[in-house]
Amino acid sequence: MALLSGRFRDPRSTEYDFISSIIVRCPGCAKAARVVPAPEDSDPAVRMLFRPRRLVCRGCGLSRVWSGRRVTLSRGTAQPATDPYFGLPLWLQVEPRPGWLWAYNLDHLDLIRRFVQASLRERAPWYGTGPNMTLVARLPAWIKRAKNRDEVLRAVSQIHTSLIAA
């Protein structure tokens, strides 16, 4: 059984809080690569979501720049997740029995781990429905269920280990 850590308070994070650095599978060498904001871009008029991004791989030296206008955020857990810019598979994902568990980066994965591990989960005041839902509110029901706690925590551990091994 998982070690329960007590209380979790929803920090009101959204997906947008975790897309500044995304860990993906490099199309050149299949190792872990990062999608980060392009350093030469400093136009404050452009929303963070649509600022140019750079794909950088330390394994093979691959570097690509994205400056498109279309961003596709992953939805649901029925299929593997991809990054919103280049459409590359996320590195931090695994398919436990109910569906895919994925995270953009280690901070995102840690938020999921803390939520699942907690025995008391406090919602944000605007937890409800609609476009203002927090990331925790948008988690699939199978991740939120206490009966799946051990399986989800094993999957989180497996994802974390995959990054260390990379």
C-alpha atoms as a PDB file:
ATOM      1  CA  MET A   1       0.000   0.000   0.000  1.00  0.00           C
ATOM      2  CA  ALA A   2       1.159   3.532  -0.752  1.00  0.00           C
ATOM      3  CA  LEU A   3       2.493   5.726   2.012  1.00  0.00           C
ATOM      4  CA  LEU A   4      -0.124   8.445   2.469  1.00  0.00           C
ATOM      5  CA  SER A   5       1.311  11.896   2.855  1.00  0.00           C
ATOM      6  CA  GLY A   6      -1.610  13.704   4.413  1.00  0.00           C
ATOM      7  CA  ARG A   7      -3.016  16.834   2.814  1.00  0.00           C
ATOM      8  CA  PHE A   8      -2.900  18.087  -0.760  1.00  0.00           C
ATOM      9  CA  ARG A   9      -4.167  21.564  -1.596  1.00  0.00           C
ATOM     10  CA  ASP A  10      -4.825  22.258  -5.251  1.00  0.00           C
ATOM     11  CA  PRO A  11      -2.251  24.920  -6.262  1.00  0.00           C
ATOM     12  CA  ARG A  12      -4.601  26.051  -9.074  1.00  0.00           C
ATOM     13  CA  SER A  13      -2.076  25.069 -11.740  1.00  0.00           C
ATOM     14  CA  THR A  14      -3.130  24.596 -15.338  1.00  0.00           C
ATOM     15  CA  GLU A  15      -1.426  22.816 -18.265  1.00  0.00           C
ATOM     16  CA  TYR A  16      -0.008  26.176 -19.321  1.00  0.00           C
ATOM     17  CA  ASP A  17       2.061  26.332 -16.128  1.00  0.00           C
ATOM     18  CA  PHE A  18       4.039  23.267 -17.246  1.00  0.00           C
ATOM     19  CA  ILE A  19       4.751  23.872 -20.928  1.00  0.00           C
ATOM     20  CA  SER A  20       7.786  26.120 -20.519  1.00  0.00           C
ATOM     21  CA  SER A  21       9.990  23.005 -20.583  1.00  0.00           C
ATOM     22  CA  ILE A  22       8.721  19.755 -22.082  1.00  0.00           C
ATOM     23  CA  ILE A  23      10.665  16.480 -22.150  1.00  0.00           C
ATOM     24  CA  VAL A  24      10.129  14.572 -25.412  1.00  0.00           C
ATOM     25  CA  ARG A  25      11.566  11.594 -27.304  1.00  0.00           C
ATOM     26  CA  CYS A  26      14.163  12.870 -29.801  1.00  0.00           C
ATOM     27  CA  PRO A  27      13.260  11.988 -33.404  1.00  0.00           C
ATOM     28  CA  GLY A  28      16.981  11.645 -34.223  1.00  0.00           C
ATOM     29  CA  CYS A  29      18.322   9.342 -31.502  1.00  0.00           C
ATOM     30  CA  ALA A  30      15.218   8.344 -29.456  1.00  0.00           C
ATOM     31  CA  LYS A  31      16.754   9.747 -26.252  1.00  0.00           C
ATOM     32  CA  ALA A  32      15.280  12.420 -23.995  1.00  0.00           C
ATOM     33  CA  ALA A  33      15.214  15.904 -25.540  1.00  0.00           C
ATOM     34  CA  ARG A  34      13.670  19.195 -24.415  1.00  0.00           C
ATOM     35  CA  VAL A  35      11.283  21.669 -25.977  1.00  0.00           C
ATOM     36  CA  VAL A  36      11.982  25.098 -24.470  1.00  0.00           C
ATOM     37  CA  PRO A  37      11.191  28.719 -25.356  1.00  0.00           C
ATOM     38  CA  ALA A  38      13.605  30.045 -27.983  1.00  0.00           C
ATOM     39  CA  PRO A  39      16.136  32.279 -26.187  1.00  0.00           C
ATOM     40  CA  GLU A  40      16.239  34.947 -28.906  1.00  0.00           C
ATOM     41  CA  ASP A  41      12.512  35.619 -28.605  1.00  0.00           C
ATOM     42  CA  SER A  42      11.634  38.396 -26.202  1.00  0.00           C
ATOM     43  CA  ASP A  43       8.494  39.915 -27.702  1.00  0.00           C
ATOM     44  CA  PRO A  44       6.243  40.559 -24.676  1.00  0.00           C
ATOM     45  CA  ALA A  45       3.215  41.123 -26.953  1.00  0.00           C
ATOM     46  CA  VAL A  46       3.138  37.415 -27.884  1.00  0.00           C
ATOM     47  CA  ARG A  47       1.466  35.133 -25.325  1.00  0.00           C
ATOM     48  CA  MET A  48       3.822  32.587 -23.746  1.00  0.00           C
ATOM     49  CA  LEU A  49       1.880  29.728 -25.340  1.00  0.00           C
ATOM     50  CA  PHE A  50       2.631  30.959 -28.875  1.00  0.00           C
ATOM     51  CA  ARG A  51       6.211  32.134 -28.499  1.00  0.00           C
ATOM     52  CA  PRO A  52       8.775  30.341 -30.687  1.00  0.00           C
ATOM     53  CA  ARG A  53      10.135  27.090 -29.216  1.00  0.00           C
ATOM     54  CA  ARG A  54      13.339  25.194 -29.691  1.00  0.00           C
ATOM     55  CA  LEU A  55      13.789  21.420 -29.664  1.00  0.00           C
ATOM     56  CA  VAL A  56      17.212  20.558 -28.249  1.00  0.00           C
ATOM     57  CA  CYS A  57      18.738  17.103 -27.840  1.00  0.00           C
ATOM     58  CA  ARG A  58      21.974  16.649 -25.915  1.00  0.00           C
ATOM     59  CA  GLY A  59      22.271  13.073 -27.174  1.00  0.00           C
ATOM     60  CA  CYS A  60      22.644  13.739 -30.907  1.00  0.00           C
ATOM     61  CA  GLY A  61      22.805  17.543 -31.041  1.00  0.00           C
ATOM     62  CA  LEU A  62      19.521  17.901 -32.927  1.00  0.00           C
ATOM     63  CA  SER A  63      18.068  21.404 -32.812  1.00  0.00           C
ATOM     64  CA  ARG A  64      14.843  22.600 -34.438  1.00  0.00           C
ATOM     65  CA  VAL A  65      12.839  25.797 -34.109  1.00  0.00           C
ATOM     66  CA  TRP A  66       9.028  26.037 -34.006  1.00  0.00           C
ATOM     67  CA  SER A  67       7.432  29.360 -34.793  1.00  0.00           C
ATOM     68  CA  GLY A  68       4.024  28.223 -35.942  1.00  0.00           C
ATOM     69  CA  ARG A  69       0.610  29.455 -35.044  1.00  0.00           C
ATOM     70  CA  ARG A  70      -1.010  26.170 -34.018  1.00  0.00           C
ATOM     71  CA  VAL A  71      -0.630  24.512 -30.629  1.00  0.00           C
ATOM     72  CA  THR A  72      -2.209  21.129 -29.901  1.00  0.00           C
ATOM     73  CA  LEU A  73      -2.491  20.241 -26.221  1.00  0.00           C
ATOM     74  CA  SER A  74      -2.896  16.554 -25.375  1.00  0.00           C
ATOM     75  CA  ARG A  75      -6.315  15.607 -24.069  1.00  0.00           C
ATOM     76  CA  GLY A  76      -7.314  12.475 -22.253  1.00  0.00           C
ATOM     77  CA  THR A  77      -5.477   9.264 -21.549  1.00  0.00           C
ATOM     78  CA  ALA A  78      -6.813   6.973 -24.266  1.00  0.00           C
ATOM     79  CA  GLN A  79      -3.673   7.347 -26.382  1.00  0.00           C
ATOM     80  CA  PRO A  80      -0.021   8.375 -25.968  1.00  0.00           C
ATOM     81  CA  ALA A  81       0.516  12.106 -25.436  1.00  0.00           C
ATOM     82  CA  THR A  82       2.586  14.418 -27.642  1.00  0.00           C
ATOM     83  CA  ASP A  83       4.114  17.829 -27.093  1.00  0.00           C
ATOM     84  CA  PRO A  84       1.959  20.756 -28.250  1.00  0.00           C
ATOM     85  CA  TYR A  85       4.547  22.228 -30.627  1.00  0.00           C
ATOM     86  CA  PHE A  86       6.431  19.576 -32.596  1.00  0.00           C
ATOM     87  CA  GLY A  87       3.968  16.731 -32.034  1.00  0.00           C
ATOM     88  CA  LEU A  88       6.720  14.482 -30.648  1.00  0.00           C
ATOM     89  CA  PRO A  89       5.908  11.756 -28.091  1.00  0.00           C
ATOM     90  CA  LEU A  90       6.405  12.793 -24.484  1.00  0.00           C
ATOM     91  CA  TRP A  91       9.226  11.043 -22.664  1.00  0.00           C
ATOM     92  CA  LEU A  92       7.389  11.004 -19.339  1.00  0.00           C
ATOM     93  CA  GLN A  93       4.561   8.610 -20.091  1.00  0.00           C
ATOM     94  CA  VAL A  94       3.555   5.028 -19.470  1.00  0.00           C
ATOM     95  CA  GLU A  95       0.415   2.977 -20.000  1.00  0.00           C
ATOM     96  CA  PRO A  96      -0.806   1.372 -16.791  1.00  0.00           C
ATOM     97  CA  ARG A  97      -3.965  -0.752 -17.001  1.00  0.00           C
ATOM     98  CA  PRO A  98      -6.688   1.990 -17.151  1.00  0.00           C
ATOM     99  CA  GLY A  99      -5.042   4.415 -19.646  1.00  0.00           C
ATOM    100  CA  TRP A 100      -1.967   6.520 -20.375  1.00  0.00           C
ATOM    101  CA  LEU A 101      -0.338   8.481 -17.552  1.00  0.00           C
ATOM    102  CA  TRP A 102       1.788  11.346 -18.845  1.00  0.00           C
ATOM    103  CA  ALA A 103       3.490  14.563 -17.765  1.00  0.00           C
ATOM    104  CA  TYR A 104       5.212  17.392 -19.617  1.00  0.00           C
ATOM    105  CA  ASN A 105       8.099  17.665 -17.136  1.00  0.00           C
ATOM    106  CA  LEU A 106       9.192  16.628 -13.644  1.00  0.00           C
ATOM    107  CA  ASP A 107       7.229  19.424 -11.939  1.00  0.00           C
ATOM    108  CA  HIS A 108       4.051  18.208 -13.651  1.00  0.00           C
ATOM    109  CA  LEU A 109       4.830  14.609 -12.652  1.00  0.00           C
ATOM    110  CA  ASP A 110       5.484  15.698  -9.054  1.00  0.00           C
ATOM    111  CA  LEU A 111       2.104  17.471  -8.889  1.00  0.00           C
ATOM    112  CA  ILE A 112       0.363  14.267 -10.003  1.00  0.00           C
ATOM    113  CA  ARG A 113       2.379  12.203  -7.496  1.00  0.00           C
ATOM    114  CA  ARG A 114       1.560  14.537  -4.581  1.00  0.00           C
ATOM    115  CA  PHE A 115      -2.137  14.553  -5.489  1.00  0.00           C
ATOM    116  CA  VAL A 116      -2.401  10.770  -5.800  1.00  0.00           C
ATOM    117  CA  GLN A 117      -0.356  10.134  -2.648  1.00  0.00           C
ATOM    118  CA  ALA A 118      -2.454  12.399  -0.414  1.00  0.00           C
ATOM    119  CA  SER A 119      -5.158  10.980   1.809  1.00  0.00           C
ATOM    120  CA  LEU A 120      -6.913  14.383   2.019  1.00  0.00           C
ATOM    121  CA  ARG A 121      -7.345  16.301  -1.245  1.00  0.00           C
ATOM    122  CA  GLU A 122      -8.592  19.879  -0.992  1.00  0.00           C
ATOM    123  CA  ARG A 123     -10.077  21.462  -4.080  1.00  0.00           C
ATOM    124  CA  ALA A 124      -9.480  24.966  -5.349  1.00  0.00           C
ATOM    125  CA  PRO A 125     -12.481  27.317  -4.956  1.00  0.00           C
ATOM    126  CA  TRP A 126     -13.101  27.260  -8.729  1.00  0.00           C
ATOM    127  CA  TYR A 127     -12.635  23.520  -9.128  1.00  0.00           C
ATOM    128  CA  GLY A 128     -15.906  23.035 -11.057  1.00  0.00           C
ATOM    129  CA  THR A 129     -16.409  22.861 -14.785  1.00  0.00           C
ATOM    130  CA  GLY A 130     -15.479  25.022 -17.720  1.00  0.00           C
ATOM    131  CA  PRO A 131     -12.331  26.601 -19.092  1.00  0.00           C
ATOM    132  CA  ASN A 132     -11.081  27.677 -15.655  1.00  0.00           C
ATOM    133  CA  MET A 133     -10.653  24.121 -14.352  1.00  0.00           C
ATOM    134  CA  THR A 134      -7.333  23.393 -12.716  1.00  0.00           C
ATOM    135  CA  LEU A 135      -5.001  20.640 -13.901  1.00  0.00           C
ATOM    136  CA  VAL A 136      -5.930  18.510 -10.883  1.00  0.00           C
ATOM    137  CA  ALA A 137      -9.635  18.931 -11.666  1.00  0.00           C
ATOM    138  CA  ARG A 138      -8.995  17.732 -15.221  1.00  0.00           C
ATOM    139  CA  LEU A 139      -7.235  14.524 -14.165  1.00  0.00           C
ATOM    140  CA  PRO A 140      -9.079  11.401 -15.329  1.00  0.00           C
ATOM    141  CA  ALA A 141     -11.304   9.668 -12.778  1.00  0.00           C
ATOM    142  CA  TRP A 142      -9.157   6.518 -12.752  1.00  0.00           C
ATOM    143  CA  ILE A 143      -6.174   8.569 -11.509  1.00  0.00           C
ATOM    144  CA  LYS A 144      -8.315  10.146  -8.764  1.00  0.00           C
ATOM    145  CA  ARG A 145      -9.751   6.886  -7.431  1.00  0.00           C
ATOM    146  CA  ALA A 146      -8.202   5.660  -4.193  1.00  0.00           C
ATOM    147  CA  LYS A 147      -8.398   2.035  -5.346  1.00  0.00           C
ATOM    148  CA  ASN A 148      -5.915   2.859  -8.148  1.00  0.00           C
ATOM    149  CA  ARG A 149      -3.512   4.770  -5.880  1.00  0.00           C
ATOM    150  CA  ASP A 150      -0.823   2.066  -5.715  1.00  0.00           C
ATOM    151  CA  GLU A 151      -0.921   1.401  -9.445  1.00  0.00           C
ATOM    152  CA  VAL A 152      -0.695   5.097 -10.329  1.00  0.00           C
ATOM    153  CA  LEU A 153       2.175   5.666  -7.892  1.00  0.00           C
ATOM    154  CA  ARG A 154       4.032   2.685  -9.411  1.00  0.00           C
ATOM    155  CA  ALA A 155       3.516   4.227 -12.847  1.00  0.00           C
ATOM    156  CA  VAL A 156       4.821   7.619 -11.619  1.00  0.00           C
ATOM    157  CA  SER A 157       7.886   5.859 -10.195  1.00  0.00           C
ATOM    158  CA  GLN A 158       8.395   3.994 -13.470  1.00  0.00           C
ATOM    159  CA  ILE A 159       8.213   7.258 -15.453  1.00  0.00           C
ATOM    160  CA  HIS A 160      10.703   8.942 -13.109  1.00  0.00           C
ATOM    161  CA  THR A 161      13.087   5.994 -13.424  1.00  0.00           C
ATOM    162  CA  SER A 162      12.885   6.132 -17.226  1.00  0.00           C
ATOM    163  CA  LEU A 163      14.277   9.680 -17.162  1.00  0.00           C
ATOM    164  CA  ILE A 164      17.117   8.748 -14.832  1.00  0.00           C
ATOM    165  CA  ALA A 165      18.040   5.814 -17.074  1.00  0.00           C
ATOM    166  CA  ALA A 166      18.053   8.025 -20.206  1.00  0.00           C
END
